[in-house]
Amino acid sequence: MLRLSNSVELPDHEIEISQIRAQGAGGQNVNKVASAVHLRFDIPGSSLPPFYKERLMALSDRRITREGVVVIKAQSYRTFEQNREDALERLKALIQEAVKLHKARKPTKPTRAAKQKRMDRKTRKGQTKALRGKPKL
């Protein structure tokens, strides 16, 4: 079970994990040991609450396909177990970030005093620059 919050858990049978060979440098070991992990998670076919599914499907993340399947490849570690844990943690982080409610920004306007202060600074700066010019004859 992958625990997402106090009330939401993902059963193991909904997460498909397969072993693959890792890419890149690593010598002989990388060619003969399948230590990398491909994690696949079907959002529409899962037991997640509807709110979670909607928020995940609305994400524009390259790890989520058009059909709503999350694909995560983990190959940072040398062992299958560590890569599996890494993939599960990344899935958990993705889901938690998707359902996090962000506080809406309230647009504000500068005060009259702030506007006046800004204009005074601009005027002073302009006068300083005017003094740098060639003298008028």
C-alpha atoms as a PDB file:
ATOM      1  CA  MET A   1       0.000   0.000   0.000  1.00  0.00           C
ATOM      2  CA  LEU A   2       1.269   3.447  -0.959  1.00  0.00           C
ATOM      3  CA  ARG A   3      -0.022   5.932   1.623  1.00  0.00           C
ATOM      4  CA  LEU A   4      -0.779   9.340   0.070  1.00  0.00           C
ATOM      5  CA  SER A   5      -2.579  10.943   3.014  1.00  0.00           C
ATOM      6  CA  ASN A   6      -4.436   9.941   6.161  1.00  0.00           C
ATOM      7  CA  SER A   7      -7.496   8.863   4.181  1.00  0.00           C
ATOM      8  CA  VAL A   8      -6.101   7.931   0.739  1.00  0.00           C
ATOM      9  CA  GLU A   9      -4.032   4.843  -0.030  1.00  0.00           C
ATOM     10  CA  LEU A  10      -3.077   3.148  -3.286  1.00  0.00           C
ATOM     11  CA  PRO A  11      -3.206  -0.659  -3.325  1.00  0.00           C
ATOM     12  CA  ASP A  12      -0.122  -2.389  -4.732  1.00  0.00           C
ATOM     13  CA  HIS A  13      -2.053  -4.156  -7.507  1.00  0.00           C
ATOM     14  CA  GLU A  14      -2.847  -0.787  -9.175  1.00  0.00           C
ATOM     15  CA  ILE A  15       0.835   0.035  -9.608  1.00  0.00           C
ATOM     16  CA  GLU A  16       2.643  -1.983 -12.277  1.00  0.00           C
ATOM     17  CA  ILE A  17       6.404  -2.237 -11.751  1.00  0.00           C
ATOM     18  CA  SER A  18       8.698  -3.945 -14.233  1.00  0.00           C
ATOM     19  CA  GLN A  19      12.464  -4.458 -14.267  1.00  0.00           C
ATOM     20  CA  ILE A  20      14.491  -3.177 -17.203  1.00  0.00           C
ATOM     21  CA  ARG A  21      18.155  -2.719 -17.952  1.00  0.00           C
ATOM     22  CA  ALA A  22      19.536   0.661 -16.998  1.00  0.00           C
ATOM     23  CA  GLN A  23      20.986   2.936 -19.667  1.00  0.00           C
ATOM     24  CA  GLY A  24      24.308   4.703 -19.715  1.00  0.00           C
ATOM     25  CA  ALA A  25      27.711   4.030 -18.255  1.00  0.00           C
ATOM     26  CA  GLY A  26      28.251   1.397 -15.602  1.00  0.00           C
ATOM     27  CA  GLY A  27      30.605  -1.195 -17.010  1.00  0.00           C
ATOM     28  CA  GLN A  28      29.798  -4.898 -17.142  1.00  0.00           C
ATOM     29  CA  ASN A  29      27.185  -4.709 -14.411  1.00  0.00           C
ATOM     30  CA  VAL A  30      24.842  -2.468 -16.393  1.00  0.00           C
ATOM     31  CA  ASN A  31      24.823  -4.946 -19.299  1.00  0.00           C
ATOM     32  CA  LYS A  32      23.897  -8.032 -17.311  1.00  0.00           C
ATOM     33  CA  VAL A  33      21.704  -6.824 -14.418  1.00  0.00           C
ATOM     34  CA  ALA A  34      18.182  -5.445 -14.817  1.00  0.00           C
ATOM     35  CA  SER A  35      18.204  -2.961 -11.952  1.00  0.00           C
ATOM     36  CA  ALA A  36      16.203  -0.083 -13.468  1.00  0.00           C
ATOM     37  CA  VAL A  37      12.460   0.212 -12.873  1.00  0.00           C
ATOM     38  CA  HIS A  38       9.529   1.153 -15.099  1.00  0.00           C
ATOM     39  CA  LEU A  39       6.522   2.160 -13.005  1.00  0.00           C
ATOM     40  CA  ARG A  40       3.104   2.457 -14.698  1.00  0.00           C
ATOM     41  CA  PHE A  41      -0.006   3.769 -12.969  1.00  0.00           C
ATOM     42  CA  ASP A  42      -3.397   4.063 -14.703  1.00  0.00           C
ATOM     43  CA  ILE A  43      -5.180   7.149 -13.327  1.00  0.00           C
ATOM     44  CA  PRO A  44      -8.710   6.556 -14.731  1.00  0.00           C
ATOM     45  CA  GLY A  45      -8.680   2.867 -13.721  1.00  0.00           C
ATOM     46  CA  SER A  46      -7.443   3.510 -10.195  1.00  0.00           C
ATOM     47  CA  SER A  47      -9.289   3.689  -6.891  1.00  0.00           C
ATOM     48  CA  LEU A  48      -8.273   7.312  -6.293  1.00  0.00           C
ATOM     49  CA  PRO A  49     -11.036   9.757  -5.310  1.00  0.00           C
ATOM     50  CA  PRO A  50     -12.522  11.720  -8.253  1.00  0.00           C
ATOM     51  CA  PHE A  51     -10.896  14.974  -7.063  1.00  0.00           C
ATOM     52  CA  TYR A  52      -7.441  13.360  -7.251  1.00  0.00           C
ATOM     53  CA  LYS A  53      -8.128  11.948 -10.724  1.00  0.00           C
ATOM     54  CA  GLU A  54      -9.331  15.313 -12.078  1.00  0.00           C
ATOM     55  CA  ARG A  55      -6.323  17.187 -10.733  1.00  0.00           C
ATOM     56  CA  LEU A  56      -3.861  14.585 -12.071  1.00  0.00           C
ATOM     57  CA  MET A  57      -5.451  14.522 -15.531  1.00  0.00           C
ATOM     58  CA  ALA A  58      -5.329  18.337 -15.653  1.00  0.00           C
ATOM     59  CA  LEU A  59      -1.556  18.346 -15.108  1.00  0.00           C
ATOM     60  CA  SER A  60       0.624  19.041 -18.124  1.00  0.00           C
ATOM     61  CA  ASP A  61       3.418  16.691 -17.129  1.00  0.00           C
ATOM     62  CA  ARG A  62       5.415  14.708 -19.698  1.00  0.00           C
ATOM     63  CA  ARG A  63       5.228  11.629 -17.456  1.00  0.00           C
ATOM     64  CA  ILE A  64       1.439  11.423 -17.956  1.00  0.00           C
ATOM     65  CA  THR A  65       0.199  10.086 -21.304  1.00  0.00           C
ATOM     66  CA  ARG A  66      -2.978  11.216 -23.093  1.00  0.00           C
ATOM     67  CA  GLU A  67      -4.731   8.068 -21.854  1.00  0.00           C
ATOM     68  CA  GLY A  68      -3.918   9.018 -18.271  1.00  0.00           C
ATOM     69  CA  VAL A  69      -1.124   6.557 -17.557  1.00  0.00           C
ATOM     70  CA  VAL A  70       1.744   7.777 -15.386  1.00  0.00           C
ATOM     71  CA  VAL A  71       5.092   6.354 -16.558  1.00  0.00           C
ATOM     72  CA  ILE A  72       8.109   6.789 -14.277  1.00  0.00           C
ATOM     73  CA  LYS A  73      11.555   5.393 -15.043  1.00  0.00           C
ATOM     74  CA  ALA A  74      13.969   5.074 -12.120  1.00  0.00           C
ATOM     75  CA  GLN A  75      17.588   4.090 -12.726  1.00  0.00           C
ATOM     76  CA  SER A  76      19.591   6.255 -10.334  1.00  0.00           C
ATOM     77  CA  TYR A  77      20.614   3.466  -7.974  1.00  0.00           C
ATOM     78  CA  ARG A  78      22.520   0.224  -8.453  1.00  0.00           C
ATOM     79  CA  THR A  79      19.865  -2.063  -6.963  1.00  0.00           C
ATOM     80  CA  PHE A  80      16.334  -2.854  -8.047  1.00  0.00           C
ATOM     81  CA  GLU A  81      14.960  -2.286  -4.529  1.00  0.00           C
ATOM     82  CA  GLN A  82      16.368   1.241  -4.255  1.00  0.00           C
ATOM     83  CA  ASN A  83      15.114   2.152  -7.738  1.00  0.00           C
ATOM     84  CA  ARG A  84      11.678   0.733  -6.874  1.00  0.00           C
ATOM     85  CA  GLU A  85      11.482   2.871  -3.726  1.00  0.00           C
ATOM     86  CA  ASP A  86      12.639   5.910  -5.701  1.00  0.00           C
ATOM     87  CA  ALA A  87       9.925   5.374  -8.341  1.00  0.00           C
ATOM     88  CA  LEU A  88       7.222   4.967  -5.686  1.00  0.00           C
ATOM     89  CA  GLU A  89       8.378   8.134  -3.890  1.00  0.00           C
ATOM     90  CA  ARG A  90       8.303  10.064  -7.161  1.00  0.00           C
ATOM     91  CA  LEU A  91       4.768   8.829  -7.896  1.00  0.00           C
ATOM     92  CA  LYS A  92       3.688   9.848  -4.399  1.00  0.00           C
ATOM     93  CA  ALA A  93       5.273  13.303  -4.816  1.00  0.00           C
ATOM     94  CA  LEU A  94       3.562  13.780  -8.198  1.00  0.00           C
ATOM     95  CA  ILE A  95       0.129  12.936  -6.807  1.00  0.00           C
ATOM     96  CA  GLN A  96       0.576  15.054  -3.668  1.00  0.00           C
ATOM     97  CA  GLU A  97       1.765  18.054  -5.704  1.00  0.00           C
ATOM     98  CA  ALA A  98      -1.231  17.736  -8.051  1.00  0.00           C
ATOM     99  CA  VAL A  99      -3.791  17.835  -5.244  1.00  0.00           C
ATOM    100  CA  LYS A 100      -2.117  20.594  -3.236  1.00  0.00           C
ATOM    101  CA  LEU A 101      -4.362  23.661  -3.185  1.00  0.00           C
ATOM    102  CA  HIS A 102      -2.433  26.826  -3.937  1.00  0.00           C
ATOM    103  CA  LYS A 103      -3.586  30.096  -2.417  1.00  0.00           C
ATOM    104  CA  ALA A 104      -4.981  32.458  -5.045  1.00  0.00           C
ATOM    105  CA  ARG A 105      -3.091  35.708  -5.492  1.00  0.00           C
ATOM    106  CA  LYS A 106      -5.051  38.861  -4.713  1.00  0.00           C
ATOM    107  CA  PRO A 107      -4.019  41.673  -7.063  1.00  0.00           C
ATOM    108  CA  THR A 108      -3.140  44.881  -5.213  1.00  0.00           C
ATOM    109  CA  LYS A 109      -2.559  48.483  -6.287  1.00  0.00           C
ATOM    110  CA  PRO A 110       0.219  50.765  -5.078  1.00  0.00           C
ATOM    111  CA  THR A 111      -0.774  53.510  -2.640  1.00  0.00           C
ATOM    112  CA  ARG A 112      -0.800  57.187  -3.645  1.00  0.00           C
ATOM    113  CA  ALA A 113       2.280  57.816  -1.469  1.00  0.00           C
ATOM    114  CA  ALA A 114       4.165  54.944  -3.164  1.00  0.00           C
ATOM    115  CA  LYS A 115       3.313  56.356  -6.613  1.00  0.00           C
ATOM    116  CA  GLN A 116       4.513  59.832  -5.568  1.00  0.00           C
ATOM    117  CA  LYS A 117       7.749  58.410  -4.118  1.00  0.00           C
ATOM    118  CA  ARG A 118       8.417  56.561  -7.376  1.00  0.00           C
ATOM    119  CA  MET A 119       7.856  59.667  -9.474  1.00  0.00           C
ATOM    120  CA  ASP A 120      10.185  61.698  -7.227  1.00  0.00           C
ATOM    121  CA  ARG A 121      12.923  59.069  -7.592  1.00  0.00           C
ATOM    122  CA  LYS A 122      12.514  59.118 -11.386  1.00  0.00           C
ATOM    123  CA  THR A 123      12.741  62.913 -11.464  1.00  0.00           C
ATOM    124  CA  ARG A 124      15.901  62.931  -9.338  1.00  0.00           C
ATOM    125  CA  LYS A 125      17.482  60.216 -11.487  1.00  0.00           C
ATOM    126  CA  GLY A 126      16.646  62.199 -14.637  1.00  0.00           C
ATOM    127  CA  GLN A 127      18.224  65.368 -13.205  1.00  0.00           C
ATOM    128  CA  THR A 128      21.390  63.417 -12.317  1.00  0.00           C
ATOM    129  CA  LYS A 129      21.619  62.081 -15.874  1.00  0.00           C
ATOM    130  CA  ALA A 130      20.978  65.520 -17.362  1.00  0.00           C
ATOM    131  CA  LEU A 131      24.025  66.843 -15.510  1.00  0.00           C
ATOM    132  CA  ARG A 132      26.212  64.245 -17.202  1.00  0.00           C
ATOM    133  CA  GLY A 133      25.660  65.767 -20.623  1.00  0.00           C
ATOM    134  CA  LYS A 134      27.833  68.263 -22.487  1.00  0.00           C
ATOM    135  CA  PRO A 135      27.587  71.812 -21.146  1.00  0.00           C
ATOM    136  CA  LYS A 136      25.393  74.193 -23.150  1.00  0.00           C
ATOM    137  CA  LEU A 137      27.200  77.192 -24.602  1.00  0.00           C
END
